[in-house]
Structures are given as C-alpha cells and as structure tokens.
Protein backbone atom coordinates (compact mmCIF):
# COMPACT_ATOMS: atom_id res chain seq x y z
CA MET A 1 106.10 -53.30 -4.37
CA THR A 2 107.10 -52.47 -0.77
CA THR A 3 110.39 -54.60 -0.48
CA THR A 4 111.73 -56.27 2.90
CA THR A 5 114.57 -53.69 3.26
CA THR A 6 111.91 -50.79 2.84
CA ALA A 7 109.48 -52.42 5.30
CA ALA A 8 112.09 -52.57 7.76
CA ASP A 9 113.71 -49.33 7.19
CA ALA A 10 110.45 -47.77 7.83
CA ARG A 11 110.48 -49.13 11.43
CA ILE A 12 113.43 -47.28 12.31
CA PRO A 13 112.77 -44.60 15.40
CA ALA A 14 112.40 -41.23 13.35
CA ALA A 15 114.73 -39.68 15.84
CA HIS A 16 117.63 -42.26 15.04
CA PRO A 17 120.43 -40.58 13.05
CA PHE A 18 120.09 -43.42 10.32
CA ALA A 19 116.62 -42.62 9.66
CA THR A 20 117.61 -39.19 9.16
CA HIS A 21 120.21 -40.33 6.76
CA LEU A 22 117.41 -42.26 4.88
CA LYS A 23 115.44 -38.66 4.32
CA ARG A 24 118.81 -37.25 3.21
CA ALA A 25 119.48 -39.75 0.76
CA ALA A 26 115.85 -40.07 -0.80
CA ALA A 27 116.12 -36.09 -1.14
CA LEU A 28 119.20 -36.11 -2.95
CA GLU A 29 117.90 -39.23 -5.14
CA ALA A 30 114.78 -37.27 -6.27
CA ALA A 31 116.42 -34.11 -6.98
CA GLU A 32 119.18 -35.61 -8.75
CA PRO A 33 118.74 -39.31 -9.32
CA HIS A 34 122.24 -40.95 -9.30
CA ARG A 35 123.40 -41.57 -12.73
CA PRO A 36 124.21 -45.28 -13.75
CA TRP A 37 127.49 -46.69 -14.97
CA THR A 38 128.26 -46.56 -18.47
CA ALA A 39 131.12 -47.73 -20.78
CA GLN A 40 131.88 -44.38 -21.42
CA ASP A 41 132.60 -43.96 -18.01
CA GLY A 42 135.46 -46.18 -18.01
CA PRO A 43 136.56 -48.44 -15.35
CA LEU A 44 135.18 -47.95 -12.06
CA PRO A 45 137.76 -47.34 -9.11
CA SER A 46 138.78 -49.82 -6.94
CA LEU A 47 137.95 -49.34 -2.98
CA TYR A 48 139.56 -50.06 0.51
CA LEU A 49 136.89 -48.61 3.28
CA SER A 50 137.30 -48.89 6.90
CA HIS A 51 133.74 -50.23 7.86
CA GLY A 52 133.70 -49.23 11.41
CA GLY A 53 132.72 -51.10 14.37
CA GLY A 54 129.81 -53.22 14.04
CA PRO A 55 126.60 -51.27 13.55
CA MET A 56 128.14 -48.23 15.17
CA PRO A 57 128.49 -46.07 11.76
CA PHE A 58 124.66 -46.12 11.67
CA GLU A 59 124.83 -43.71 14.61
CA SER A 60 127.19 -41.00 13.68
CA PRO A 61 126.91 -38.44 10.56
CA GLU A 62 130.71 -38.64 10.50
CA TRP A 63 130.41 -42.01 8.92
CA LEU A 64 126.80 -41.54 7.40
CA THR A 65 127.55 -38.50 5.22
CA PRO A 66 130.98 -38.97 3.74
CA LEU A 67 130.15 -42.69 2.82
CA HIS A 68 127.00 -41.83 1.20
CA ASP A 69 128.62 -38.50 -0.95
CA TRP A 70 131.65 -40.96 -1.96
CA ALA A 71 129.09 -43.37 -3.14
CA ARG A 72 127.07 -40.62 -5.23
CA ALA A 73 130.55 -38.95 -6.19
CA LEU A 74 131.04 -42.19 -8.67
CA PRO A 75 128.72 -43.52 -11.31
CA LYS A 76 125.87 -45.96 -9.77
CA PRO A 77 127.82 -49.59 -10.09
CA LYS A 78 126.02 -52.24 -11.91
CA ALA A 79 127.17 -54.65 -9.33
CA ILE A 80 129.38 -54.75 -6.28
CA LEU A 81 132.03 -57.36 -5.29
CA VAL A 82 133.29 -56.77 -1.79
CA VAL A 83 136.11 -58.65 0.18
CA SER A 84 135.31 -58.48 3.61
CA ALA A 85 137.98 -58.88 6.83
CA HIS A 86 134.85 -61.12 8.60
CA TRP A 87 134.94 -63.97 6.31
CA GLU A 88 138.23 -65.61 5.90
CA SER A 89 137.93 -68.72 4.18
CA ALA A 90 140.04 -71.12 1.74
CA PRO A 91 139.42 -72.18 -0.94
CA LEU A 92 138.49 -68.70 -2.29
CA SER A 93 134.59 -68.69 -2.08
CA VAL A 94 131.54 -66.26 -2.97
CA SER A 95 128.59 -65.87 -1.25
CA ALA A 96 125.17 -66.77 -2.06
CA GLU A 97 123.59 -65.00 -4.99
CA ARG A 98 120.41 -63.89 -3.41
CA PRO A 99 120.76 -64.72 0.54
CA SER A 100 117.50 -65.05 2.68
CA GLU A 101 119.43 -63.62 5.75
CA LEU A 102 122.38 -61.44 6.38
CA VAL A 103 125.34 -62.36 8.96
CA TYR A 104 124.69 -60.45 12.37
CA ASP A 105 128.28 -60.92 13.17
CA PHE A 106 128.60 -58.45 16.22
CA GLY A 107 127.15 -58.32 19.51
CA GLY A 108 126.26 -56.33 22.76
CA PHE A 109 124.21 -53.76 20.37
CA ASP A 110 120.79 -52.63 20.23
CA ALA A 111 118.32 -54.92 19.38
CA LEU A 112 117.61 -52.89 16.54
CA TYR A 113 120.17 -53.56 14.47
CA TYR A 114 119.64 -57.41 14.11
CA THR A 115 116.07 -56.48 12.40
CA PHE A 116 118.19 -54.29 9.70
CA ARG A 117 117.46 -55.79 6.00
CA TYR A 118 119.67 -55.22 2.98
CA ASP A 119 117.86 -57.23 0.25
CA THR A 120 119.90 -56.83 -2.86
CA PRO A 121 118.80 -58.44 -6.36
CA ASP A 122 120.13 -61.68 -7.76
CA ALA A 123 124.16 -61.38 -7.77
CA GLY A 124 124.20 -64.89 -10.22
CA GLU A 125 125.79 -62.93 -13.30
CA LEU A 126 128.22 -61.32 -10.80
CA ALA A 127 128.99 -64.76 -9.48
CA ARG A 128 129.46 -66.09 -13.23
CA GLN A 129 131.71 -63.32 -13.61
CA VAL A 130 133.82 -63.79 -10.78
CA VAL A 131 134.45 -67.30 -11.44
CA GLY A 132 135.18 -66.70 -15.05
CA VAL A 133 138.12 -64.56 -14.04
CA MET A 134 139.95 -67.06 -11.74
CA PRO A 135 142.80 -68.99 -12.54
CA ASP A 136 140.99 -72.05 -11.57
CA THR A 137 137.65 -71.76 -11.78
CA GLY A 138 136.77 -75.03 -10.35
CA GLN A 139 138.55 -73.97 -6.76
CA VAL A 140 136.15 -71.24 -6.39
CA HIS A 141 133.57 -72.36 -4.09
CA ARG A 142 129.64 -70.89 -4.41
CA HIS A 143 127.79 -70.98 -1.40
CA THR A 144 124.16 -71.44 -1.58
CA SER A 145 123.10 -69.87 1.42
CA ARG A 146 125.93 -67.52 3.15
CA GLY A 147 124.64 -63.68 3.70
CA LEU A 148 126.74 -60.71 3.45
CA ASP A 149 128.63 -60.04 7.18
CA HIS A 150 128.61 -56.79 8.53
CA GLY A 151 132.00 -55.79 6.89
CA ALA A 152 129.96 -55.65 3.75
CA TRP A 153 126.36 -54.72 4.45
CA VAL A 154 126.81 -52.25 7.04
CA PRO A 155 128.83 -49.72 4.85
CA LEU A 156 126.82 -50.58 1.81
CA LYS A 157 123.62 -49.81 3.38
CA ILE A 158 124.99 -46.19 4.21
CA MET A 159 126.38 -45.85 0.76
CA TYR A 160 123.70 -47.24 -1.33
CA PRO A 161 120.43 -47.58 0.92
CA ALA A 162 117.84 -48.35 -1.90
CA ALA A 163 119.60 -51.81 -1.99
CA ASP A 164 118.79 -51.76 -5.80
CA ILE A 165 122.26 -53.25 -6.85
CA PRO A 166 123.43 -56.87 -6.81
CA VAL A 167 126.29 -57.50 -4.15
CA LEU A 168 128.55 -60.76 -4.01
CA GLN A 169 131.03 -61.14 -1.30
CA LEU A 170 134.37 -62.80 -2.08
CA SER A 171 135.94 -64.70 0.87
CA LEU A 172 139.39 -63.52 2.15
CA PRO A 173 141.57 -66.83 1.44
CA THR A 174 144.78 -66.03 2.66
CA GLU A 175 147.00 -63.39 4.37
CA ASP A 176 149.80 -63.25 1.98
CA PRO A 177 150.14 -59.70 0.49
CA ASP A 178 151.22 -61.01 -2.81
CA ARG A 179 148.25 -63.51 -3.14
CA LEU A 180 145.77 -60.80 -2.59
CA LEU A 181 147.33 -58.58 -5.06
CA SER A 182 147.40 -61.56 -7.75
CA ILE A 183 143.64 -62.19 -6.86
CA GLY A 184 142.82 -58.21 -7.17
CA GLU A 185 144.62 -58.39 -10.35
CA ARG A 186 142.25 -60.95 -11.69
CA LEU A 187 139.47 -59.05 -10.66
CA ARG A 188 140.56 -56.03 -12.52
CA PRO A 189 138.47 -56.47 -15.77
CA LEU A 190 135.23 -56.60 -13.63
CA ARG A 191 135.77 -52.72 -13.20
CA GLU A 192 135.45 -52.21 -16.81
CA GLN A 193 131.81 -53.65 -16.93
CA GLY A 194 130.58 -51.48 -14.43
CA VAL A 195 131.23 -53.63 -11.18
CA LEU A 196 132.59 -51.89 -8.26
CA VAL A 197 135.32 -53.88 -6.31
CA ILE A 198 135.73 -53.13 -2.55
CA GLY A 199 138.17 -54.37 0.08
CA SER A 200 136.34 -53.71 3.17
CA GLY A 201 138.53 -53.81 6.52
CA HIS A 202 139.81 -50.96 9.01
CA MET A 203 142.97 -48.99 8.49
CA THR A 204 143.88 -49.79 12.53
CA HIS A 205 141.98 -52.30 14.53
CA GLY A 206 143.80 -52.84 17.66
CA LEU A 207 140.58 -53.59 19.70
CA PRO A 208 142.09 -55.59 22.50
CA PHE A 209 144.29 -52.58 23.53
CA LEU A 210 141.86 -49.73 23.52
CA THR A 211 140.95 -48.48 26.75
CA ARG A 212 137.27 -47.30 28.12
CA GLU A 213 138.56 -43.47 27.67
CA MET A 214 139.55 -43.97 24.23
CA PHE A 215 135.95 -45.11 23.30
CA LEU A 216 134.22 -42.46 25.20
CA GLU A 217 136.50 -39.82 23.99
CA ASN A 218 137.87 -40.75 20.86
CA LYS A 219 141.69 -40.54 22.49
CA VAL A 220 143.86 -41.64 19.59
CA PRO A 221 146.72 -44.00 21.06
CA GLY A 222 150.12 -43.81 19.32
CA TRP A 223 150.29 -47.25 17.78
CA SER A 224 147.08 -45.77 15.84
CA SER A 225 148.30 -42.82 14.74
CA ASP A 226 151.72 -43.96 14.19
CA PHE A 227 150.39 -46.60 11.81
CA ASP A 228 147.88 -44.49 10.02
CA ALA A 229 151.01 -41.91 9.16
CA TRP A 230 153.05 -44.82 7.80
CA ALA A 231 150.41 -46.11 5.56
CA ALA A 232 149.27 -43.00 4.23
CA ASP A 233 152.90 -42.08 3.40
CA ALA A 234 153.11 -45.54 1.63
CA LEU A 235 149.78 -45.04 -0.41
CA GLY A 236 150.42 -41.59 -1.32
CA ARG A 237 153.97 -42.78 -2.50
CA GLY A 238 152.39 -46.04 -4.31
CA ASP A 239 154.90 -48.20 -2.19
CA VAL A 240 153.19 -51.27 -2.55
CA ALA A 241 156.24 -53.17 -1.47
CA GLU A 242 156.24 -51.20 1.53
CA LEU A 243 152.76 -51.80 2.64
CA ALA A 244 153.26 -55.80 1.73
CA ARG A 245 156.15 -55.48 4.77
CA PHE A 246 153.55 -53.93 7.40
CA ARG A 247 154.05 -56.97 9.79
CA THR A 248 157.83 -56.07 10.26
CA ALA A 249 157.99 -52.22 8.76
CA ALA A 250 154.90 -50.56 10.12
CA PRO A 251 155.12 -48.72 13.40
CA GLY A 252 152.69 -49.42 16.00
CA MET A 253 152.69 -52.99 15.30
CA PRO A 254 151.38 -55.52 16.64
CA TYR A 255 149.16 -53.16 18.49
CA ALA A 256 147.52 -51.68 15.22
CA HIS A 257 147.00 -54.94 14.00
CA PRO A 258 146.93 -58.10 16.48
CA THR A 259 145.38 -60.00 13.58
CA VAL A 260 145.92 -58.75 10.04
CA GLU A 261 142.56 -59.55 8.24
CA HIS A 262 141.30 -55.98 8.78
CA PHE A 263 144.39 -54.53 7.02
CA THR A 264 145.02 -57.45 4.02
CA PRO A 265 141.86 -56.55 2.18
CA LEU A 266 143.64 -53.20 1.34
CA PHE A 267 145.91 -55.57 -1.37
CA VAL A 268 142.77 -56.96 -2.92
CA ALA A 269 141.90 -53.33 -3.63
CA LEU A 270 145.07 -52.01 -4.76
CA GLY A 271 145.46 -55.50 -6.89
CA ALA A 272 142.44 -54.67 -8.85
CA ALA A 273 143.63 -50.97 -9.85
CA THR A 274 144.75 -50.19 -13.07
CA ASP A 275 148.05 -49.37 -11.70
CA PRO A 276 148.85 -50.75 -7.96
CA THR A 277 151.85 -48.58 -7.42
CA ALA A 278 149.83 -45.31 -8.74
CA PRO A 279 149.39 -43.01 -5.55
CA VAL A 280 145.74 -43.39 -4.20
CA VAL A 281 142.93 -40.57 -3.28
CA THR A 282 141.87 -40.85 0.66
CA THR A 283 138.36 -40.38 0.66
CA LEU A 284 137.84 -40.78 4.54
CA ASP A 285 140.21 -40.26 7.40
CA GLY A 286 140.69 -39.25 10.87
CA TYR A 287 139.47 -41.42 14.05
CA GLY A 288 136.67 -43.23 15.46
CA VAL A 289 137.23 -44.89 19.00
CA GLY A 290 141.11 -44.19 18.47
CA LEU A 291 141.18 -46.25 15.22
CA SER A 292 141.96 -45.03 11.83
CA ARG A 293 139.05 -44.75 9.68
CA ARG A 294 141.30 -43.99 6.03
CA SER A 295 139.65 -45.25 3.52
CA PHE A 296 140.84 -44.51 -0.30
CA GLN A 297 139.94 -45.10 -3.62
CA ALA A 298 142.34 -46.23 -6.60
CA ALA A 299 142.20 -45.78 -10.34
C-alpha cells in the first residue's frame, strides 16, 4: 500500500538531490537489506548529530550520503528516541505517538519542503518505555498532537527514508549539563532493547554572527573552528567535566552558541552511553555555511 510519505516523495522533482538520494537508498536496500537489530548485537550506541540548517541537508550530498551511510553501518533500530534543540519544554515531555503532521519550524525555504512527510509507525510502546525509565513518571507529559520538529525529522528522513521505524521525540527540559546527563543515564537501558537514542543539535550554531560571504562560500569564522577544536579534544579524551564548562571554558563563546540549545543535547547522548567518559567516534565533521557539523556516536 502506498503511504503518505512515499506518495509525497514521488512528487519530488527528479533533478533534486534528495530524489537522487532516495534512488541510491532504494538500490542499497534492494542489494542488501538493512539488517535489523537483535539482542545479540548488544546495546546500540547513542548519537549526537548536527542536523543542519532547516531543510538545507536535503540539497547537499555532503549531508545526504554520510548520514545515510552512518545509519546503515548500525543495525536497524527497533525504535528511535530523539532529543532535539528545537523543543525546549519543561516538564519533560514526549511527542505524539503517531502525529498527523510534522512541525515545519523553518522559514524562507522552497515551498517543496513544506510538503515533505515522515509518517512513521505508532510509537506507543516506546512512549511507555520512556515513561517507565524516568524517575518520576508522573512528571512526563505525553502530548497527543505534537509532531516531530525539523531537528528530528530532517536527519531521520535522510538516514531512514523508508519511515518504517517508530520515532518519538523527548523534550529538552533544561540547559543544565548535569541534569541532562542524568536524563541520558535513565535512557541507557533502552539501548539494550534496540532503541537508538539521539541528541540532535549543531556543534556550532552562531547564526546571528554569520555573514553573507560565510553562507555563500562556506567561510569558517574563528569562533566556529576554535570551539569545534576544543570540543573535539574534550570528546576525544572523554572529558565530560570540561564539556560541561563550555560556557566559560570553550573558546569562541558566546559566538559559537549565543543560545545553548544546539549544544546541550550532546549531554543526553553522552549520559545514555555505557561510559560517558570514554572517547567517542566522530562520524561526521567539516563545516556547512561556517558552522561545525561534528557528529559522533558513543558506545
């Protein structure tokens, strides 16, 4: 049966880079189906990914191919839980289990992107699992209508374009690294059940300080490269305490993060790791419009 997602994807112009990506993904799946996660695989890693600016990753092979290859390098999850920079809400909340609409929380882009769909299976079981691992289950608010925002659905549509995995979004209820590490720790058992835990943000996100030249020529400002190098060093050493001091310890602040919601999902991903102080594996680096795209997985 044709789904809403596949029907919408069929209307994407053939010359569009994402149409080419969908053909590549389909060919790879036909040649070698993505192997589902089993208990013998052990816990899935937790991920921190830089999700790009709005729908811009749909237009760039530098985003499309690496993100999809990253997904296929891992066993196919049973479910996906995403903490996105674009849903700051307390108390801790989960999105609708099967929402009818996405959240198109970006502006000024081609009208095509407001027709994109990502209709994933019912995530009711994952919602029950998330509520069950939280320390105060009565404090987890369950939304009945809120869909996935672009920090969740844009990268996932690239990574898992078939939209055949249940996806749930968890709100970002605080900016405090210690509290976010604790939330991640509570989510850790879900990885043992085949749930992929993702913190979605951007390693640098100083949008107000980008110039037209940076956008057009991908010029990298010093505050972006300095912050990225500092973060890469701390992550490589597993120095969570240093990362938690980012407001005062990181070079490039506050330009790299004039607001911090694109960095702090990192702490949920680290908290969900088996050992948050172990060095991580960088899976995507480089820059897009001057901003660091550094993304990683933690075992």
